[in-house]
Amino acid sequence: MVPRIMAQGFTVERYPMEIHNFVPYTSVSNFKKNVNNVQDGTTWNWDNVYHLSKYAIMGSNKTFMMNFAYTPIWLSVDGTKTGLPSDWGVWTSIITQMCNHLKMYASVKFIEI
């Protein structure tokens, strides 16, 4: 699909990243205690962004705007992905880890939260 889009002249893609797909399922308490090294972003599931490096290798001049969406349900005040975080410090830590990970991709120029 990307080659077709680029052939039409588009160079920016908005890519949604649902936070719960990257961060391991845990609890606020376990996150704060770093149980199973859950605070280490390098241990999270980054499979959903593998294409960023693939396009860079292909020589693409495509720019990505990442859109961080939702809240892990274990961090949500109401147990849903659309609820506000119950602990903004934990949420900030997660967002920081995600931003740090995305720095390695030169094609990521913008992040929307």
PDB file of N, CA and C in Angstrom:
ATOM      1  N   MET A   1       0.818  -1.195   0.000  1.00  0.00           N
ATOM      2  CA  MET A   1       0.000   0.000   0.000  1.00  0.00           C
ATOM      3  C   MET A   1       0.861   1.259   0.000  1.00  0.00           C
ATOM      4  N   VAL A   2       1.949   1.253   0.770  1.00  0.00           N
ATOM      5  CA  VAL A   2       2.802   2.444   0.844  1.00  0.00           C
ATOM      6  C   VAL A   2       3.353   2.844  -0.518  1.00  0.00           C
ATOM      7  N   PRO A   3       3.852   1.916  -1.347  1.00  0.00           N
ATOM      8  CA  PRO A   3       4.326   2.348  -2.667  1.00  0.00           C
ATOM      9  C   PRO A   3       3.253   3.058  -3.489  1.00  0.00           C
ATOM     10  N   ARG A   4       1.990   2.593  -3.387  1.00  0.00           N
ATOM     11  CA  ARG A   4       0.899   3.251  -4.110  1.00  0.00           C
ATOM     12  C   ARG A   4       0.669   4.673  -3.606  1.00  0.00           C
ATOM     13  N   ILE A   5       0.671   4.812  -2.293  1.00  0.00           N
ATOM     14  CA  ILE A   5       0.459   6.132  -1.691  1.00  0.00           C
ATOM     15  C   ILE A   5       1.583   7.081  -2.098  1.00  0.00           C
ATOM     16  N   MET A   6       2.820   6.593  -2.028  1.00  0.00           N
ATOM     17  CA  MET A   6       3.966   7.437  -2.383  1.00  0.00           C
ATOM     18  C   MET A   6       3.938   7.805  -3.860  1.00  0.00           C
ATOM     19  N   ALA A   7       3.453   6.897  -4.699  1.00  0.00           N
ATOM     20  CA  ALA A   7       3.363   7.171  -6.131  1.00  0.00           C
ATOM     21  C   ALA A   7       2.397   8.317  -6.419  1.00  0.00           C
ATOM     22  N   GLN A   8       1.455   8.535  -5.516  1.00  0.00           N
ATOM     23  CA  GLN A   8       0.503   9.637  -5.668  1.00  0.00           C
ATOM     24  C   GLN A   8       1.047  10.956  -5.127  1.00  0.00           C
ATOM     25  N   GLY A   9       2.264  10.924  -4.566  1.00  0.00           N
ATOM     26  CA  GLY A   9       2.889  12.144  -4.092  1.00  0.00           C
ATOM     27  C   GLY A   9       2.800  12.376  -2.595  1.00  0.00           C
ATOM     28  N   PHE A  10       2.147  11.476  -1.875  1.00  0.00           N
ATOM     29  CA  PHE A  10       2.054  11.629  -0.426  1.00  0.00           C
ATOM     30  C   PHE A  10       3.386  11.260   0.217  1.00  0.00           C
ATOM     31  N   THR A  11       3.829  12.061   1.164  1.00  0.00           N
ATOM     32  CA  THR A  11       5.102  11.777   1.837  1.00  0.00           C
ATOM     33  C   THR A  11       4.963  11.676   3.345  1.00  0.00           C
ATOM     34  N   VAL A  12       3.772  11.946   3.880  1.00  0.00           N
ATOM     35  CA  VAL A  12       3.560  11.885   5.328  1.00  0.00           C
ATOM     36  C   VAL A  12       2.434  10.899   5.616  1.00  0.00           C
ATOM     37  N   GLU A  13       2.670  10.040   6.584  1.00  0.00           N
ATOM     38  CA  GLU A  13       1.632   9.103   7.007  1.00  0.00           C
ATOM     39  C   GLU A  13       1.408   9.257   8.502  1.00  0.00           C
ATOM     40  N   ARG A  14       0.159   9.367   8.912  1.00  0.00           N
ATOM     41  CA  ARG A  14      -0.208   9.410  10.327  1.00  0.00           C
ATOM     42  C   ARG A  14      -0.426   7.973  10.769  1.00  0.00           C
ATOM     43  N   TYR A  15       0.346   7.534  11.750  1.00  0.00           N
ATOM     44  CA  TYR A  15       0.329   6.138  12.159  1.00  0.00           C
ATOM     45  C   TYR A  15      -0.122   6.022  13.610  1.00  0.00           C
ATOM     46  N   PRO A  16      -1.289   5.391  13.848  1.00  0.00           N
ATOM     47  CA  PRO A  16      -1.760   5.258  15.231  1.00  0.00           C
ATOM     48  C   PRO A  16      -0.989   4.182  15.991  1.00  0.00           C
ATOM     49  N   MET A  17      -0.643   4.481  17.221  1.00  0.00           N
ATOM     50  CA  MET A  17       0.034   3.533  18.101  1.00  0.00           C
ATOM     51  C   MET A  17      -0.801   3.407  19.364  1.00  0.00           C
ATOM     52  N   GLU A  18      -1.594   2.355  19.454  1.00  0.00           N
ATOM     53  CA  GLU A  18      -2.387   2.142  20.658  1.00  0.00           C
ATOM     54  C   GLU A  18      -1.448   1.637  21.745  1.00  0.00           C
ATOM     55  N   ILE A  19      -1.288   2.433  22.772  1.00  0.00           N
ATOM     56  CA  ILE A  19      -0.279   2.202  23.808  1.00  0.00           C
ATOM     57  C   ILE A  19      -0.366   0.795  24.396  1.00  0.00           C
ATOM     58  N   HIS A  20      -1.569   0.283  24.577  1.00  0.00           N
ATOM     59  CA  HIS A  20      -1.721  -1.037  25.195  1.00  0.00           C
ATOM     60  C   HIS A  20      -1.150  -2.162  24.330  1.00  0.00           C
ATOM     61  N   ASN A  21      -0.912  -1.912  23.050  1.00  0.00           N
ATOM     62  CA  ASN A  21      -0.305  -2.929  22.187  1.00  0.00           C
ATOM     63  C   ASN A  21       1.210  -3.026  22.373  1.00  0.00           C
ATOM     64  N   PHE A  22       1.798  -2.081  23.049  1.00  0.00           N
ATOM     65  CA  PHE A  22       3.249  -2.039  23.215  1.00  0.00           C
ATOM     66  C   PHE A  22       3.696  -2.359  24.639  1.00  0.00           C
ATOM     67  N   VAL A  23       2.964  -1.838  25.599  1.00  0.00           N
ATOM     68  CA  VAL A  23       3.326  -1.974  27.014  1.00  0.00           C
ATOM     69  C   VAL A  23       2.778  -3.291  27.556  1.00  0.00           C
ATOM     70  N   PRO A  24       3.580  -4.061  28.275  1.00  0.00           N
ATOM     71  CA  PRO A  24       3.087  -5.323  28.840  1.00  0.00           C
ATOM     72  C   PRO A  24       1.921  -5.096  29.811  1.00  0.00           C
ATOM     73  N   TYR A  25       1.035  -6.075  29.876  1.00  0.00           N
ATOM     74  CA  TYR A  25      -0.057  -6.013  30.835  1.00  0.00           C
ATOM     75  C   TYR A  25       0.519  -6.213  32.235  1.00  0.00           C
ATOM     76  N   THR A  26       0.196  -5.303  33.135  1.00  0.00           N
ATOM     77  CA  THR A  26       0.707  -5.351  34.504  1.00  0.00           C
ATOM     78  C   THR A  26      -0.280  -4.622  35.402  1.00  0.00           C
ATOM     79  N   SER A  27       0.183  -4.052  36.474  1.00  0.00           N
ATOM     80  CA  SER A  27      -0.649  -3.204  37.336  1.00  0.00           C
ATOM     81  C   SER A  27       0.171  -1.951  37.643  1.00  0.00           C
ATOM     82  N   VAL A  28      -0.494  -0.937  38.131  1.00  0.00           N
ATOM     83  CA  VAL A  28       0.218   0.297  38.490  1.00  0.00           C
ATOM     84  C   VAL A  28       1.271  -0.014  39.548  1.00  0.00           C
ATOM     85  N   SER A  29       0.898  -0.794  40.536  1.00  0.00           N
ATOM     86  CA  SER A  29       1.823  -1.156  41.609  1.00  0.00           C
ATOM     87  C   SER A  29       3.039  -1.903  41.062  1.00  0.00           C
ATOM     88  N   ASN A  30       2.805  -2.882  40.197  1.00  0.00           N
ATOM     89  CA  ASN A  30       3.918  -3.649  39.625  1.00  0.00           C
ATOM     90  C   ASN A  30       4.785  -2.791  38.711  1.00  0.00           C
ATOM     91  N   PHE A  31       4.156  -1.865  37.993  1.00  0.00           N
ATOM     92  CA  PHE A  31       4.938  -0.971  37.143  1.00  0.00           C
ATOM     93  C   PHE A  31       5.873  -0.122  38.006  1.00  0.00           C
ATOM     94  N   LYS A  32       5.331   0.440  39.080  1.00  0.00           N
ATOM     95  CA  LYS A  32       6.143   1.286  39.960  1.00  0.00           C
ATOM     96  C   LYS A  32       7.275   0.503  40.619  1.00  0.00           C
ATOM     97  N   LYS A  33       7.035  -0.780  40.903  1.00  0.00           N
ATOM     98  CA  LYS A  33       8.066  -1.632  41.523  1.00  0.00           C
ATOM     99  C   LYS A  33       8.994  -2.256  40.472  1.00  0.00           C
ATOM    100  N   ASN A  34       8.682  -2.030  39.214  1.00  0.00           N
ATOM    101  CA  ASN A  34       9.456  -2.563  38.088  1.00  0.00           C
ATOM    102  C   ASN A  34       9.503  -4.099  38.101  1.00  0.00           C
ATOM    103  N   VAL A  35       8.372  -4.715  38.436  1.00  0.00           N
ATOM    104  CA  VAL A  35       8.278  -6.171  38.438  1.00  0.00           C
ATOM    105  C   VAL A  35       8.498  -6.689  37.012  1.00  0.00           C
ATOM    106  N   ASN A  36       9.343  -7.688  36.873  1.00  0.00           N
ATOM    107  CA  ASN A  36       9.694  -8.264  35.567  1.00  0.00           C
ATOM    108  C   ASN A  36      10.266  -7.230  34.598  1.00  0.00           C
ATOM    109  N   ASN A  37      10.917  -6.207  35.157  1.00  0.00           N
ATOM    110  CA  ASN A  37      11.579  -5.176  34.350  1.00  0.00           C
ATOM    111  C   ASN A  37      10.601  -4.454  33.412  1.00  0.00           C
ATOM    112  N   VAL A  38       9.354  -4.302  33.850  1.00  0.00           N
ATOM    113  CA  VAL A  38       8.303  -3.738  33.011  1.00  0.00           C
ATOM    114  C   VAL A  38       8.566  -2.277  32.632  1.00  0.00           C
ATOM    115  N   GLN A  39       9.367  -1.568  33.389  1.00  0.00           N
ATOM    116  CA  GLN A  39       9.652  -0.164  33.068  1.00  0.00           C
ATOM    117  C   GLN A  39      10.652  -0.006  31.922  1.00  0.00           C
ATOM    118  N   ASP A  40      11.315  -1.074  31.557  1.00  0.00           N
ATOM    119  CA  ASP A  40      12.334  -1.018  30.503  1.00  0.00           C
ATOM    120  C   ASP A  40      11.672  -1.123  29.132  1.00  0.00           C
ATOM    121  N   GLY A  41      11.592  -0.020  28.443  1.00  0.00           N
ATOM    122  CA  GLY A  41      10.942   0.026  27.139  1.00  0.00           C
ATOM    123  C   GLY A  41      11.568  -0.882  26.099  1.00  0.00           C
ATOM    124  N   THR A  42      12.816  -1.261  26.278  1.00  0.00           N
ATOM    125  CA  THR A  42      13.452  -2.148  25.297  1.00  0.00           C
ATOM    126  C   THR A  42      12.888  -3.564  25.365  1.00  0.00           C
ATOM    127  N   THR A  43      12.148  -3.893  26.428  1.00  0.00           N
ATOM    128  CA  THR A  43      11.560  -5.222  26.560  1.00  0.00           C
ATOM    129  C   THR A  43      10.110  -5.264  26.072  1.00  0.00           C
ATOM    130  N   TRP A  44       9.582  -4.141  25.627  1.00  0.00           N
ATOM    131  CA  TRP A  44       8.191  -4.079  25.186  1.00  0.00           C
ATOM    132  C   TRP A  44       8.030  -4.654  23.780  1.00  0.00           C
ATOM    133  N   ASN A  45       6.803  -4.814  23.329  1.00  0.00           N
ATOM    134  CA  ASN A  45       6.506  -5.377  22.018  1.00  0.00           C
ATOM    135  C   ASN A  45       6.490  -4.274  20.949  1.00  0.00           C
ATOM    136  N   TRP A  46       7.561  -4.193  20.191  1.00  0.00           N
ATOM    137  CA  TRP A  46       7.683  -3.157  19.162  1.00  0.00           C
ATOM    138  C   TRP A  46       7.408  -3.695  17.764  1.00  0.00           C
ATOM    139  N   ASP A  47       6.834  -4.890  17.666  1.00  0.00           N
ATOM    140  CA  ASP A  47       6.583  -5.500  16.359  1.00  0.00           C
ATOM    141  C   ASP A  47       5.726  -4.623  15.450  1.00  0.00           C
ATOM    142  N   ASN A  48       4.846  -3.818  16.036  1.00  0.00           N
ATOM    143  CA  ASN A  48       3.937  -3.001  15.231  1.00  0.00           C
ATOM    144  C   ASN A  48       4.608  -1.826  14.526  1.00  0.00           C
ATOM    145  N   VAL A  49       5.863  -1.559  14.808  1.00  0.00           N
ATOM    146  CA  VAL A  49       6.543  -0.443  14.139  1.00  0.00           C
ATOM    147  C   VAL A  49       7.729  -0.907  13.299  1.00  0.00           C
ATOM    148  N   TYR A  50       7.810  -2.212  13.023  1.00  0.00           N
ATOM    149  CA  TYR A  50       8.928  -2.729  12.239  1.00  0.00           C
ATOM    150  C   TYR A  50       9.014  -2.078  10.861  1.00  0.00           C
ATOM    151  N   HIS A  51       7.872  -1.691  10.306  1.00  0.00           N
ATOM    152  CA  HIS A  51       7.847  -1.121   8.956  1.00  0.00           C
ATOM    153  C   HIS A  51       8.605   0.205   8.861  1.00  0.00           C
ATOM    154  N   LEU A  52       8.789   0.896   9.979  1.00  0.00           N
ATOM    155  CA  LEU A  52       9.514   2.169   9.927  1.00  0.00           C
ATOM    156  C   LEU A  52      10.938   1.962   9.427  1.00  0.00           C
ATOM    157  N   SER A  53      11.592   0.915   9.913  1.00  0.00           N
ATOM    158  CA  SER A  53      12.948   0.640   9.448  1.00  0.00           C
ATOM    159  C   SER A  53      12.917   0.038   8.048  1.00  0.00           C
ATOM    160  N   LYS A  54      11.881  -0.721   7.734  1.00  0.00           N
ATOM    161  CA  LYS A  54      11.773  -1.314   6.400  1.00  0.00           C
ATOM    162  C   LYS A  54      11.701  -0.221   5.336  1.00  0.00           C
ATOM    163  N   TYR A  55      10.893   0.812   5.562  1.00  0.00           N
ATOM    164  CA  TYR A  55      10.772   1.887   4.576  1.00  0.00           C
ATOM    165  C   TYR A  55      12.063   2.682   4.469  1.00  0.00           C
ATOM    166  N   ALA A  56      12.751   2.865   5.577  1.00  0.00           N
ATOM    167  CA  ALA A  56      14.028   3.583   5.545  1.00  0.00           C
ATOM    168  C   ALA A  56      15.040   2.805   4.713  1.00  0.00           C
ATOM    169  N   ILE A  57      15.057   1.489   4.873  1.00  0.00           N
ATOM    170  CA  ILE A  57      15.982   0.649   4.111  1.00  0.00           C
ATOM    171  C   ILE A  57      15.651   0.701   2.622  1.00  0.00           C
ATOM    172  N   MET A  58      14.362   0.804   2.293  1.00  0.00           N
ATOM    173  CA  MET A  58      13.932   0.877   0.894  1.00  0.00           C
ATOM    174  C   MET A  58      14.291   2.216   0.256  1.00  0.00           C
ATOM    175  N   GLY A  59      14.825   3.142   1.032  1.00  0.00           N
ATOM    176  CA  GLY A  59      15.184   4.447   0.495  1.00  0.00           C
ATOM    177  C   GLY A  59      14.015   5.403   0.412  1.00  0.00           C
ATOM    178  N   SER A  60      12.976   5.123   1.147  1.00  0.00           N
ATOM    179  CA  SER A  60      11.788   5.949   1.129  1.00  0.00           C
ATOM    180  C   SER A  60      12.058   7.301   1.792  1.00  0.00           C
ATOM    181  N   ASN A  61      11.463   8.326   1.238  1.00  0.00           N
ATOM    182  CA  ASN A  61      11.542   9.646   1.872  1.00  0.00           C
ATOM    183  C   ASN A  61      10.285   9.922   2.679  1.00  0.00           C
ATOM    184  N   LYS A  62       9.565   8.858   3.006  1.00  0.00           N
ATOM    185  CA  LYS A  62       8.311   8.969   3.739  1.00  0.00           C
ATOM    186  C   LYS A  62       8.556   9.453   5.164  1.00  0.00           C
ATOM    187  N   THR A  63       7.698  10.331   5.632  1.00  0.00           N
ATOM    188  CA  THR A  63       7.747  10.850   6.993  1.00  0.00           C
ATOM    189  C   THR A  63       6.539  10.312   7.751  1.00  0.00           C
ATOM    190  N   PHE A  64       6.771   9.886   8.987  1.00  0.00           N
ATOM    191  CA  PHE A  64       5.687   9.374   9.802  1.00  0.00           C
ATOM    192  C   PHE A  64       5.367  10.329  10.945  1.00  0.00           C
ATOM    193  N   MET A  65       4.065  10.510  11.175  1.00  0.00           N
ATOM    194  CA  MET A  65       3.596  11.212  12.352  1.00  0.00           C
ATOM    195  C   MET A  65       2.931  10.151  13.224  1.00  0.00           C
ATOM    196  N   MET A  66       3.557   9.836  14.336  1.00  0.00           N
ATOM    197  CA  MET A  66       3.031   8.808  15.221  1.00  0.00           C
ATOM    198  C   MET A  66       1.954   9.405  16.115  1.00  0.00           C
ATOM    199  N   ASN A  67       0.889   8.662  16.302  1.00  0.00           N
ATOM    200  CA  ASN A  67      -0.231   9.101  17.123  1.00  0.00           C
ATOM    201  C   ASN A  67      -0.389   8.124  18.283  1.00  0.00           C
ATOM    202  N   PHE A  68       0.026   8.536  19.474  1.00  0.00           N
ATOM    203  CA  PHE A  68      -0.126   7.689  20.658  1.00  0.00           C
ATOM    204  C   PHE A  68      -1.578   7.756  21.101  1.00  0.00           C
ATOM    205  N   ALA A  69      -2.213   6.603  21.170  1.00  0.00           N
ATOM    206  CA  ALA A  69      -3.644   6.579  21.462  1.00  0.00           C
ATOM    207  C   ALA A  69      -3.966   5.678  22.652  1.00  0.00           C
ATOM    208  N   TYR A  70      -4.936   6.104  23.398  1.00  0.00           N
ATOM    209  CA  TYR A  70      -5.530   5.331  24.477  1.00  0.00           C
ATOM    210  C   TYR A  70      -4.600   5.149  25.685  1.00  0.00           C
ATOM    211  N   THR A  71      -5.104   4.374  26.624  1.00  0.00           N
ATOM    212  CA  THR A  71      -4.424   4.117  27.894  1.00  0.00           C
ATOM    213  C   THR A  71      -4.449   2.610  28.137  1.00  0.00           C
ATOM    214  N   PRO A  72      -3.361   2.037  28.639  1.00  0.00           N
ATOM    215  CA  PRO A  72      -3.448   0.617  29.007  1.00  0.00           C
ATOM    216  C   PRO A  72      -4.577   0.438  30.030  1.00  0.00           C
ATOM    217  N   ILE A  73      -5.381  -0.605  29.894  1.00  0.00           N
ATOM    218  CA  ILE A  73      -6.543  -0.759  30.774  1.00  0.00           C
ATOM    219  C   ILE A  73      -6.140  -0.904  32.240  1.00  0.00           C
ATOM    220  N   TRP A  74      -4.958  -1.446  32.494  1.00  0.00           N
ATOM    221  CA  TRP A  74      -4.515  -1.589  33.886  1.00  0.00           C
ATOM    222  C   TRP A  74      -4.148  -0.236  34.503  1.00  0.00           C
ATOM    223  N   LEU A  75      -3.982   0.782  33.659  1.00  0.00           N
ATOM    224  CA  LEU A  75      -3.636   2.125  34.134  1.00  0.00           C
ATOM    225  C   LEU A  75      -4.833   3.071  34.103  1.00  0.00           C
ATOM    226  N   SER A  76      -5.905   2.640  33.490  1.00  0.00           N
ATOM    227  CA  SER A  76      -7.077   3.484  33.289  1.00  0.00           C
ATOM    228  C   SER A  76      -7.931   3.581  34.559  1.00  0.00           C
ATOM    229  N   VAL A  77      -8.504   4.762  34.777  1.00  0.00           N
ATOM    230  CA  VAL A  77      -9.365   4.950  35.958  1.00  0.00           C
ATOM    231  C   VAL A  77     -10.626   4.096  35.917  1.00  0.00           C
ATOM    232  N   ASP A  78     -11.100   3.767  34.709  1.00  0.00           N
ATOM    233  CA  ASP A  78     -12.333   2.988  34.612  1.00  0.00           C
ATOM    234  C   ASP A  78     -12.132   1.611  33.978  1.00  0.00           C
ATOM    235  N   GLY A  79     -10.871   1.186  33.818  1.00  0.00           N
ATOM    236  CA  GLY A  79     -10.604  -0.144  33.283  1.00  0.00           C
ATOM    237  C   GLY A  79     -10.841  -0.302  31.795  1.00  0.00           C
ATOM    238  N   THR A  80     -10.938   0.830  31.083  1.00  0.00           N
ATOM    239  CA  THR A  80     -11.098   0.779  29.623  1.00  0.00           C
ATOM    240  C   THR A  80      -9.925   1.500  28.976  1.00  0.00           C
ATOM    241  N   LYS A  81      -9.705   1.237  27.701  1.00  0.00           N
ATOM    242  CA  LYS A  81      -8.597   1.898  27.015  1.00  0.00           C
ATOM    243  C   LYS A  81      -8.873   3.378  26.751  1.00  0.00           C
ATOM    244  N   THR A  82     -10.114   3.807  26.887  1.00  0.00           N
ATOM    245  CA  THR A  82     -10.451   5.214  26.655  1.00  0.00           C
ATOM    246  C   THR A  82     -10.473   6.038  27.942  1.00  0.00           C
ATOM    247  N   GLY A  83     -10.262   5.379  29.077  1.00  0.00           N
ATOM    248  CA  GLY A  83     -10.266   6.094  30.355  1.00  0.00           C
ATOM    249  C   GLY A  83      -8.978   6.884  30.571  1.00  0.00           C
ATOM    250  N   LEU A  84      -9.064   7.897  31.401  1.00  0.00           N
ATOM    251  CA  LEU A  84      -7.872   8.675  31.756  1.00  0.00           C
ATOM    252  C   LEU A  84      -6.935   7.831  32.610  1.00  0.00           C
ATOM    253  N   PRO A  85      -5.638   8.122  32.568  1.00  0.00           N
ATOM    254  CA  PRO A  85      -4.701   7.388  33.421  1.00  0.00           C
ATOM    255  C   PRO A  85      -4.991   7.642  34.903  1.00  0.00           C
ATOM    256  N   SER A  86      -4.893   6.600  35.706  1.00  0.00           N
ATOM    257  CA  SER A  86      -5.095   6.743  37.153  1.00  0.00           C
ATOM    258  C   SER A  86      -3.829   7.266  37.826  1.00  0.00           C
ATOM    259  N   ASP A  87      -2.706   7.149  37.152  1.00  0.00           N
ATOM    260  CA  ASP A  87      -1.429   7.638  37.684  1.00  0.00           C
ATOM    261  C   ASP A  87      -0.672   8.308  36.540  1.00  0.00           C
ATOM    262  N   TRP A  88      -0.652   9.645  36.562  1.00  0.00           N
ATOM    263  CA  TRP A  88      -0.026  10.392  35.472  1.00  0.00           C
ATOM    264  C   TRP A  88       1.488  10.212  35.435  1.00  0.00           C
ATOM    265  N   GLY A  89       2.099   9.898  36.567  1.00  0.00           N
ATOM    266  CA  GLY A  89       3.536   9.637  36.591  1.00  0.00           C
ATOM    267  C   GLY A  89       3.880   8.384  35.807  1.00  0.00           C
ATOM    268  N   VAL A  90       3.084   7.334  35.985  1.00  0.00           N
ATOM    269  CA  VAL A  90       3.293   6.089  35.237  1.00  0.00           C
ATOM    270  C   VAL A  90       3.042   6.340  33.752  1.00  0.00           C
ATOM    271  N   TRP A  91       1.955   7.043  33.436  1.00  0.00           N
ATOM    272  CA  TRP A  91       1.631   7.350  32.043  1.00  0.00           C
ATOM    273  C   TRP A  91       2.764   8.137  31.391  1.00  0.00           C
ATOM    274  N   THR A  92       3.302   9.125  32.100  1.00  0.00           N
ATOM    275  CA  THR A  92       4.411   9.922  31.573  1.00  0.00           C
ATOM    276  C   THR A  92       5.633   9.059  31.330  1.00  0.00           C
ATOM    277  N   SER A  93       5.899   8.124  32.220  1.00  0.00           N
ATOM    278  CA  SER A  93       7.021   7.206  32.052  1.00  0.00           C
ATOM    279  C   SER A  93       6.839   6.360  30.790  1.00  0.00           C
ATOM    280  N   ILE A  94       5.633   5.881  30.556  1.00  0.00           N
ATOM    281  CA  ILE A  94       5.349   5.082  29.362  1.00  0.00           C
ATOM    282  C   ILE A  94       5.558   5.909  28.095  1.00  0.00           C
ATOM    283  N   ILE A  95       5.005   7.110  28.079  1.00  0.00           N
ATOM    284  CA  ILE A  95       5.137   7.981  26.907  1.00  0.00           C
ATOM    285  C   ILE A  95       6.610   8.309  26.658  1.00  0.00           C
ATOM    286  N   THR A  96       7.369   8.556  27.716  1.00  0.00           N
ATOM    287  CA  THR A  96       8.798   8.847  27.581  1.00  0.00           C
ATOM    288  C   THR A  96       9.530   7.671  26.956  1.00  0.00           C
ATOM    289  N   GLN A  97       9.228   6.456  27.424  1.00  0.00           N
ATOM    290  CA  GLN A  97       9.864   5.258  26.860  1.00  0.00           C
ATOM    291  C   GLN A  97       9.518   5.099  25.378  1.00  0.00           C
ATOM    292  N   MET A  98       8.261   5.363  25.028  1.00  0.00           N
ATOM    293  CA  MET A  98       7.853   5.236  23.625  1.00  0.00           C
ATOM    294  C   MET A  98       8.578   6.259  22.753  1.00  0.00           C
ATOM    295  N   CYS A  99       8.682   7.484  23.236  1.00  0.00           N
ATOM    296  CA  CYS A  99       9.406   8.521  22.485  1.00  0.00           C
ATOM    297  C   CYS A  99      10.879   8.155  22.336  1.00  0.00           C
ATOM    298  N   ASN A 100      11.480   7.671  23.391  1.00  0.00           N
ATOM    299  CA  ASN A 100      12.890   7.275  23.334  1.00  0.00           C
ATOM    300  C   ASN A 100      13.103   6.163  22.315  1.00  0.00           C
ATOM    301  N   HIS A 101      12.199   5.218  22.261  1.00  0.00           N
ATOM    302  CA  HIS A 101      12.336   4.124  21.301  1.00  0.00           C
ATOM    303  C   HIS A 101      12.224   4.640  19.869  1.00  0.00           C
ATOM    304  N   LEU A 102      11.305   5.553  19.630  1.00  0.00           N
ATOM    305  CA  LEU A 102      11.072   6.034  18.271  1.00  0.00           C
ATOM    306  C   LEU A 102      12.183   6.941  17.750  1.00  0.00           C
ATOM    307  N   LYS A 103      13.052   7.417  18.628  1.00  0.00           N
ATOM    308  CA  LYS A 103      14.170   8.266  18.194  1.00  0.00           C
ATOM    309  C   LYS A 103      15.080   7.553  17.204  1.00  0.00           C
ATOM    310  N   MET A 104      15.091   6.220  17.243  1.00  0.00           N
ATOM    311  CA  MET A 104      15.989   5.475  16.364  1.00  0.00           C
ATOM    312  C   MET A 104      15.508   5.483  14.915  1.00  0.00           C
ATOM    313  N   TYR A 105      14.270   5.891  14.692  1.00  0.00           N
ATOM    314  CA  TYR A 105      13.727   5.909  13.341  1.00  0.00           C
ATOM    315  C   TYR A 105      13.772   7.333  12.788  1.00  0.00           C
ATOM    316  N   ALA A 106      14.623   7.557  11.826  1.00  0.00           N
ATOM    317  CA  ALA A 106      14.758   8.895  11.244  1.00  0.00           C
ATOM    318  C   ALA A 106      13.478   9.332  10.545  1.00  0.00           C
ATOM    319  N   SER A 107      12.640   8.382  10.135  1.00  0.00           N
ATOM    320  CA  SER A 107      11.418   8.731   9.417  1.00  0.00           C
ATOM    321  C   SER A 107      10.326   9.282  10.329  1.00  0.00           C
ATOM    322  N   VAL A 108      10.485   9.138  11.653  1.00  0.00           N
ATOM    323  CA  VAL A 108       9.498   9.681  12.581  1.00  0.00           C
ATOM    324  C   VAL A 108       9.864  11.130  12.883  1.00  0.00           C
ATOM    325  N   LYS A 109       9.054  12.030  12.400  1.00  0.00           N
ATOM    326  CA  LYS A 109       9.327  13.466  12.571  1.00  0.00           C
ATOM    327  C   LYS A 109       8.365  14.135  13.543  1.00  0.00           C
ATOM    328  N   PHE A 110       7.199  13.529  13.755  1.00  0.00           N
ATOM    329  CA  PHE A 110       6.181  14.131  14.605  1.00  0.00           C
ATOM    330  C   PHE A 110       5.550  13.069  15.496  1.00  0.00           C
ATOM    331  N   ILE A 111       5.184  13.469  16.693  1.00  0.00           N
ATOM    332  CA  ILE A 111       4.456  12.587  17.612  1.00  0.00           C
ATOM    333  C   ILE A 111       3.265  13.366  18.139  1.00  0.00           C
ATOM    334  N   GLU A 112       2.095  12.754  18.020  1.00  0.00           N
ATOM    335  CA  GLU A 112       0.859  13.352  18.515  1.00  0.00           C
ATOM    336  C   GLU A 112       0.372  12.518  19.693  1.00  0.00           C
ATOM    337  N   ILE A 113       0.062  13.184  20.792  1.00  0.00           N
ATOM    338  CA  ILE A 113      -0.394  12.482  21.979  1.00  0.00           C
ATOM    339  C   ILE A 113      -1.808  12.914  22.302  1.00  0.00           C
TER     340      ILE A 113
END
